[in-house]
Every structure is written in structure tokens, then in C-alpha cells.
């Protein structure tokens, strides 16, 4: 799973680095992610990483993609639940002060959870969608601190245990994601 995450980040970085005419942003952040809803009772809040590439579209809008991974403890168990997601994201950047730019964002994409225990593994895929906002703090012309919070609805299909689908095992709820990271600007102005 970590290899998939690294491969997606590498692909996003190559795409971002190949666009030299526009000022592309590449971001890396740590994240806190909390799942809510009765289907996620017993799943602890977790921590993880996210990487993104954002392309400017006009003077105030950015479009991009992100890949994220987080791990969550399971109450009363030594096992953990891992979440992997690949999302498309749009951001509207407000005209801020000289060093601070607030923004609103919306995102949606593909997600997967997995749990391994005693040689068996369970997986389910789904589609998170959500939005939120944040602040970009300019540290230099090409480096910014990115702080944001996103709220998602999440819905996973039936789980598969060792490849066999388990009927009526769908899970849905909400997720609060808080991220803090850095954003590098590449390319032209």
C-alpha cells in the first residue's frame, strides 16, 4: 500500500515538474483524520501523510490532485485500519494580505480501507467527497505553509475478505481531516 502511495506521489511530482509555463504548486503535509458515524464505531482517529499537485486556472482558481494515506487503531485490538485515497481538488484563492491567502476547497475521488489480521485481509473501496478551507502563509516567493481543514462524506462498498465479498458490509459516515504542510511553487510566474 505504501508503494502505491509513493508511486502516485512520484507521478504527481513528474506531472507538476513538466509544466514550466505555469506556476505549479507541489505540497506535502501531515494529517489528522477522524472517522465518525455508527459504521466507524471502534475506529480511532489516525495520522498520515498527503501529497498534492495544484495547477493554476486563471488568477484565483487552482485544480489538482492529491494522494493520501493514514492509519487508525481499532479499539480493543492490536490491528489497525489503513486508509488510502486519490482525490481531485479545486481551490478558490481569495486575495489575502501580503503574506496570507485564505481559500475554499472542494474535493472528491476514490478511497480504500484495509485491515490485516492473522494472515487474512479485508478491503473495501468507496468514494469520498467534501470541502473545507484553509490558509496559505507565504514564507518566500516559492514556499508557503498550508494549513487547512476538510470535511468529507465517505461511503465504502461491501468488504472483501481474502477476495470474497461479504454481503451487507457497506460502511458510510463522515471524516474530518486537518492538514499542515508546505507547498513548493515551480515554474513561471
C-alpha atoms as a PDB file:
ATOM      1  CA  UNK A   1       0.000   0.000   0.000  1.00  0.00           C
ATOM      2  CA  UNK A   2       2.822   2.396   0.846  1.00  0.00           C
ATOM      3  CA  UNK A   3       4.415   1.582  -2.521  1.00  0.00           C
ATOM      4  CA  UNK A   4       1.200   2.596  -4.315  1.00  0.00           C
ATOM      5  CA  UNK A   5       1.150   5.846  -2.356  1.00  0.00           C
ATOM      6  CA  UNK A   6       4.789   6.631  -3.234  1.00  0.00           C
ATOM      7  CA  UNK A   7       4.154   5.770  -6.907  1.00  0.00           C
ATOM      8  CA  UNK A   8       1.170   8.145  -7.061  1.00  0.00           C
ATOM      9  CA  UNK A   9       3.171  10.941  -5.392  1.00  0.00           C
ATOM     10  CA  UNK A  10       6.054  10.395  -7.807  1.00  0.00           C
ATOM     11  CA  UNK A  11       3.697  10.528 -10.804  1.00  0.00           C
ATOM     12  CA  UNK A  12       2.104  13.746  -9.491  1.00  0.00           C
ATOM     13  CA  UNK A  13       5.547  15.283  -8.967  1.00  0.00           C
ATOM     14  CA  UNK A  14       6.597  14.404 -12.531  1.00  0.00           C
ATOM     15  CA  UNK A  15       3.430  15.947 -13.941  1.00  0.00           C
ATOM     16  CA  UNK A  16       3.964  19.082 -11.866  1.00  0.00           C
ATOM     17  CA  UNK A  17       7.636  19.367 -12.784  1.00  0.00           C
ATOM     18  CA  UNK A  18       6.872  19.026 -16.501  1.00  0.00           C
ATOM     19  CA  UNK A  19       4.634  22.103 -16.573  1.00  0.00           C
ATOM     20  CA  UNK A  20       7.070  25.014 -16.775  1.00  0.00           C
ATOM     21  CA  UNK A  21       4.826  27.727 -18.232  1.00  0.00           C
ATOM     22  CA  UNK A  22       2.571  27.941 -15.186  1.00  0.00           C
ATOM     23  CA  UNK A  23       3.448  28.204 -11.512  1.00  0.00           C
ATOM     24  CA  UNK A  24       2.572  24.734 -10.280  1.00  0.00           C
ATOM     25  CA  UNK A  25       2.344  24.001  -6.562  1.00  0.00           C
ATOM     26  CA  UNK A  26       3.546  20.724  -5.072  1.00  0.00           C
ATOM     27  CA  UNK A  27       2.530  20.152  -1.478  1.00  0.00           C
ATOM     28  CA  UNK A  28       3.415  17.663   1.238  1.00  0.00           C
ATOM     29  CA  UNK A  29       1.560  17.571   4.547  1.00  0.00           C
ATOM     30  CA  UNK A  30       0.897  15.625   7.690  1.00  0.00           C
ATOM     31  CA  UNK A  31      -2.726  14.947   8.518  1.00  0.00           C
ATOM     32  CA  UNK A  32      -5.071  14.079  11.365  1.00  0.00           C
ATOM     33  CA  UNK A  33      -8.162  12.155  10.225  1.00  0.00           C
ATOM     34  CA  UNK A  34     -11.176  11.236  12.356  1.00  0.00           C
ATOM     35  CA  UNK A  35     -13.983   8.995  11.054  1.00  0.00           C
ATOM     36  CA  UNK A  36     -17.499   9.422  12.503  1.00  0.00           C
ATOM     37  CA  UNK A  37     -20.760   7.541  12.250  1.00  0.00           C
ATOM     38  CA  UNK A  38     -22.019   4.244  13.667  1.00  0.00           C
ATOM     39  CA  UNK A  39     -20.291   2.240  10.912  1.00  0.00           C
ATOM     40  CA  UNK A  40     -16.943   3.523  12.222  1.00  0.00           C
ATOM     41  CA  UNK A  41     -17.519   2.903  15.942  1.00  0.00           C
ATOM     42  CA  UNK A  42     -14.294   1.436  17.292  1.00  0.00           C
ATOM     43  CA  UNK A  43     -12.073   3.117  14.680  1.00  0.00           C
ATOM     44  CA  UNK A  44      -9.729   5.602  16.362  1.00  0.00           C
ATOM     45  CA  UNK A  45      -8.650   8.917  14.884  1.00  0.00           C
ATOM     46  CA  UNK A  46      -5.432   8.476  12.956  1.00  0.00           C
ATOM     47  CA  UNK A  47      -2.460  10.222  11.434  1.00  0.00           C
ATOM     48  CA  UNK A  48      -0.943  10.104   7.988  1.00  0.00           C
ATOM     49  CA  UNK A  49       0.569  11.962   5.059  1.00  0.00           C
ATOM     50  CA  UNK A  50      -0.707  13.604   1.900  1.00  0.00           C
ATOM     51  CA  UNK A  51       0.899  14.923  -1.253  1.00  0.00           C
ATOM     52  CA  UNK A  52      -0.716  17.130  -3.898  1.00  0.00           C
ATOM     53  CA  UNK A  53      -0.099  18.936  -7.144  1.00  0.00           C
ATOM     54  CA  UNK A  54      -2.083  22.100  -7.934  1.00  0.00           C
ATOM     55  CA  UNK A  55      -2.216  23.813 -11.329  1.00  0.00           C
ATOM     56  CA  UNK A  56      -3.357  27.445 -11.683  1.00  0.00           C
ATOM     57  CA  UNK A  57      -6.507  28.034 -13.740  1.00  0.00           C
ATOM     58  CA  UNK A  58      -6.909  31.786 -14.041  1.00  0.00           C
ATOM     59  CA  UNK A  59      -5.780  34.185 -11.355  1.00  0.00           C
ATOM     60  CA  UNK A  60      -7.783  32.832  -8.384  1.00  0.00           C
ATOM     61  CA  UNK A  61      -8.551  29.166  -9.067  1.00  0.00           C
ATOM     62  CA  UNK A  62      -6.368  26.047  -8.786  1.00  0.00           C
ATOM     63  CA  UNK A  63      -7.129  22.482  -9.886  1.00  0.00           C
ATOM     64  CA  UNK A  64      -5.139  19.450  -8.917  1.00  0.00           C
ATOM     65  CA  UNK A  65      -4.910  16.003  -7.463  1.00  0.00           C
ATOM     66  CA  UNK A  66      -3.777  14.519  -4.184  1.00  0.00           C
ATOM     67  CA  UNK A  67      -2.860  11.143  -2.739  1.00  0.00           C
ATOM     68  CA  UNK A  68      -3.170  10.402   0.951  1.00  0.00           C
ATOM     69  CA  UNK A  69      -2.583   7.611   3.452  1.00  0.00           C
ATOM     70  CA  UNK A  70      -3.474   7.326   7.131  1.00  0.00           C
ATOM     71  CA  UNK A  71      -3.521   4.597   9.764  1.00  0.00           C
ATOM     72  CA  UNK A  72      -6.109   4.169  12.536  1.00  0.00           C
ATOM     73  CA  UNK A  73      -6.124   1.980  15.623  1.00  0.00           C
ATOM     74  CA  UNK A  74      -9.066  -0.328  16.304  1.00  0.00           C
ATOM     75  CA  UNK A  75     -10.473  -0.195  19.829  1.00  0.00           C
ATOM     76  CA  UNK A  76      -9.642  -3.371  21.779  1.00  0.00           C
ATOM     77  CA  UNK A  77      -7.317  -4.690  19.070  1.00  0.00           C
ATOM     78  CA  UNK A  78      -3.656  -4.560  18.140  1.00  0.00           C
ATOM     79  CA  UNK A  79      -4.672  -4.348  14.461  1.00  0.00           C
ATOM     80  CA  UNK A  80      -5.088  -1.111  12.522  1.00  0.00           C
ATOM     81  CA  UNK A  81      -7.208   0.165   9.667  1.00  0.00           C
ATOM     82  CA  UNK A  82      -5.302   1.847   6.826  1.00  0.00           C
ATOM     83  CA  UNK A  83      -6.930   4.383   4.507  1.00  0.00           C
ATOM     84  CA  UNK A  84      -5.626   5.243   1.038  1.00  0.00           C
ATOM     85  CA  UNK A  85      -7.184   7.925  -1.138  1.00  0.00           C
ATOM     86  CA  UNK A  86      -6.664   9.587  -4.510  1.00  0.00           C
ATOM     87  CA  UNK A  87      -8.675  12.792  -4.926  1.00  0.00           C
ATOM     88  CA  UNK A  88      -9.254  15.597  -7.407  1.00  0.00           C
ATOM     89  CA  UNK A  89      -9.279  19.025  -5.759  1.00  0.00           C
ATOM     90  CA  UNK A  90     -10.290  22.546  -6.693  1.00  0.00           C
ATOM     91  CA  UNK A  91      -9.361  25.636  -4.692  1.00  0.00           C
ATOM     92  CA  UNK A  92     -10.613  29.199  -4.923  1.00  0.00           C
ATOM     93  CA  UNK A  93      -7.854  31.507  -3.632  1.00  0.00           C
ATOM     94  CA  UNK A  94      -9.100  34.791  -2.130  1.00  0.00           C
ATOM     95  CA  UNK A  95      -6.967  37.895  -2.379  1.00  0.00           C
ATOM     96  CA  UNK A  96      -5.359  37.960   1.044  1.00  0.00           C
ATOM     97  CA  UNK A  97      -2.903  40.180   2.817  1.00  0.00           C
ATOM     98  CA  UNK A  98       0.675  40.463   1.680  1.00  0.00           C
ATOM     99  CA  UNK A  99       1.647  37.087   3.175  1.00  0.00           C
ATOM    100  CA  UNK A 100      -1.658  35.271   3.922  1.00  0.00           C
ATOM    101  CA  UNK A 101      -4.048  33.850   1.317  1.00  0.00           C
ATOM    102  CA  UNK A 102      -7.299  32.224   2.515  1.00  0.00           C
ATOM    103  CA  UNK A 103      -9.016  29.670   0.275  1.00  0.00           C
ATOM    104  CA  UNK A 104     -12.041  27.401  -0.054  1.00  0.00           C
ATOM    105  CA  UNK A 105     -11.660  23.925  -1.498  1.00  0.00           C
ATOM    106  CA  UNK A 106     -13.764  21.041  -2.762  1.00  0.00           C
ATOM    107  CA  UNK A 107     -12.566  17.510  -3.423  1.00  0.00           C
ATOM    108  CA  UNK A 108     -13.746  14.078  -4.397  1.00  0.00           C
ATOM    109  CA  UNK A 109     -12.258  10.823  -5.549  1.00  0.00           C
ATOM    110  CA  UNK A 110     -11.509   7.210  -4.710  1.00  0.00           C
ATOM    111  CA  UNK A 111     -10.713   5.679  -1.323  1.00  0.00           C
ATOM    112  CA  UNK A 112      -9.890   2.265   0.086  1.00  0.00           C
ATOM    113  CA  UNK A 113      -9.648   0.895   3.603  1.00  0.00           C
ATOM    114  CA  UNK A 114      -7.797  -2.274   4.526  1.00  0.00           C
ATOM    115  CA  UNK A 115      -7.333  -4.320   7.696  1.00  0.00           C
ATOM    116  CA  UNK A 116      -4.976  -7.296   8.052  1.00  0.00           C
ATOM    117  CA  UNK A 117      -5.206  -9.832  10.862  1.00  0.00           C
ATOM    118  CA  UNK A 118      -3.804 -13.323  11.305  1.00  0.00           C
ATOM    119  CA  UNK A 119      -2.887 -13.766   7.649  1.00  0.00           C
ATOM    120  CA  UNK A 120      -6.285 -12.539   6.376  1.00  0.00           C
ATOM    121  CA  UNK A 121      -7.055  -9.138   4.937  1.00  0.00           C
ATOM    122  CA  UNK A 122     -10.263  -7.174   4.443  1.00  0.00           C
ATOM    123  CA  UNK A 123     -10.606  -4.354   1.916  1.00  0.00           C
ATOM    124  CA  UNK A 124     -13.356  -2.096   0.646  1.00  0.00           C
ATOM    125  CA  UNK A 125     -13.352   0.771  -1.819  1.00  0.00           C
ATOM    126  CA  UNK A 126     -15.525   3.848  -1.939  1.00  0.00           C
ATOM    127  CA  UNK A 127     -15.881   7.458  -2.928  1.00  0.00           C
ATOM    128  CA  UNK A 128     -15.209  10.334  -0.517  1.00  0.00           C
ATOM    129  CA  UNK A 129     -16.471  13.832  -1.366  1.00  0.00           C
ATOM    130  CA  UNK A 130     -16.167  17.010   0.647  1.00  0.00           C
ATOM    131  CA  UNK A 131     -14.919  20.514   1.108  1.00  0.00           C
ATOM    132  CA  UNK A 132     -13.395  22.962   3.516  1.00  0.00           C
ATOM    133  CA  UNK A 133     -10.967  25.820   3.709  1.00  0.00           C
ATOM    134  CA  UNK A 134      -7.504  26.873   4.652  1.00  0.00           C
ATOM    135  CA  UNK A 135      -4.788  29.474   4.771  1.00  0.00           C
ATOM    136  CA  UNK A 136      -1.554  29.709   2.789  1.00  0.00           C
ATOM    137  CA  UNK A 137       1.213  31.607   4.630  1.00  0.00           C
ATOM    138  CA  UNK A 138       3.953  32.778   2.226  1.00  0.00           C
ATOM    139  CA  UNK A 139       7.392  32.012   3.662  1.00  0.00           C
ATOM    140  CA  UNK A 140       9.200  33.050   0.455  1.00  0.00           C
ATOM    141  CA  UNK A 141       8.189  33.621  -3.190  1.00  0.00           C
ATOM    142  CA  UNK A 142       8.370  29.864  -3.833  1.00  0.00           C
ATOM    143  CA  UNK A 143       7.472  28.337  -0.437  1.00  0.00           C
ATOM    144  CA  UNK A 144       4.282  28.511   1.658  1.00  0.00           C
ATOM    145  CA  UNK A 145       2.884  26.938   4.799  1.00  0.00           C
ATOM    146  CA  UNK A 146      -0.526  25.354   4.057  1.00  0.00           C
ATOM    147  CA  UNK A 147      -2.979  24.869   6.969  1.00  0.00           C
ATOM    148  CA  UNK A 148      -6.474  23.556   6.238  1.00  0.00           C
ATOM    149  CA  UNK A 149      -9.435  21.508   7.362  1.00  0.00           C
ATOM    150  CA  UNK A 150     -11.699  19.394   5.140  1.00  0.00           C
ATOM    151  CA  UNK A 151     -14.967  17.632   5.946  1.00  0.00           C
ATOM    152  CA  UNK A 152     -15.873  14.580   3.834  1.00  0.00           C
ATOM    153  CA  UNK A 153     -18.720  12.162   3.483  1.00  0.00           C
ATOM    154  CA  UNK A 154     -17.389   8.657   2.910  1.00  0.00           C
ATOM    155  CA  UNK A 155     -19.175   5.598   1.592  1.00  0.00           C
ATOM    156  CA  UNK A 156     -17.478   2.228   1.144  1.00  0.00           C
ATOM    157  CA  UNK A 157     -18.949  -0.736  -0.701  1.00  0.00           C
ATOM    158  CA  UNK A 158     -19.070  -4.290   0.625  1.00  0.00           C
ATOM    159  CA  UNK A 159     -15.808  -5.502   2.129  1.00  0.00           C
ATOM    160  CA  UNK A 160     -13.862  -8.346   0.570  1.00  0.00           C
ATOM    161  CA  UNK A 161     -12.059 -10.711   2.936  1.00  0.00           C
ATOM    162  CA  UNK A 162      -9.270 -12.524   1.108  1.00  0.00           C
ATOM    163  CA  UNK A 163     -11.090 -11.751  -2.152  1.00  0.00           C
ATOM    164  CA  UNK A 164     -14.551 -12.974  -1.059  1.00  0.00           C
ATOM    165  CA  UNK A 165     -17.238 -10.297  -0.829  1.00  0.00           C
ATOM    166  CA  UNK A 166     -19.093 -10.088   2.492  1.00  0.00           C
ATOM    167  CA  UNK A 167     -22.781  -9.153   1.904  1.00  0.00           C
ATOM    168  CA  UNK A 168     -24.243  -6.226   3.851  1.00  0.00           C
ATOM    169  CA  UNK A 169     -20.812  -4.969   4.961  1.00  0.00           C
ATOM    170  CA  UNK A 170     -21.083  -1.499   3.427  1.00  0.00           C
ATOM    171  CA  UNK A 171     -19.841   1.355   5.627  1.00  0.00           C
ATOM    172  CA  UNK A 172     -20.565   5.065   5.451  1.00  0.00           C
ATOM    173  CA  UNK A 173     -20.106   8.129   7.618  1.00  0.00           C
ATOM    174  CA  UNK A 174     -18.119  11.327   7.746  1.00  0.00           C
ATOM    175  CA  UNK A 175     -14.475  12.263   8.117  1.00  0.00           C
ATOM    176  CA  UNK A 176     -12.767  15.357   9.491  1.00  0.00           C
ATOM    177  CA  UNK A 177      -9.300  15.917   8.062  1.00  0.00           C
ATOM    178  CA  UNK A 178      -6.885  18.544   9.408  1.00  0.00           C
ATOM    179  CA  UNK A 179      -3.673  19.072   7.428  1.00  0.00           C
ATOM    180  CA  UNK A 180      -0.499  21.077   7.953  1.00  0.00           C
ATOM    181  CA  UNK A 181       2.258  21.118   5.377  1.00  0.00           C
ATOM    182  CA  UNK A 182       4.389  23.004   2.927  1.00  0.00           C
ATOM    183  CA  UNK A 183       3.751  23.959  -0.696  1.00  0.00           C
ATOM    184  CA  UNK A 184       6.559  24.472  -3.218  1.00  0.00           C
ATOM    185  CA  UNK A 185       5.948  26.613  -6.313  1.00  0.00           C
ATOM    186  CA  UNK A 186       7.622  25.516  -9.526  1.00  0.00           C
ATOM    187  CA  UNK A 187       7.698  27.058 -12.970  1.00  0.00           C
ATOM    188  CA  UNK A 188       6.896  30.519 -14.304  1.00  0.00           C
ATOM    189  CA  UNK A 189       5.011  33.331 -12.682  1.00  0.00           C
END
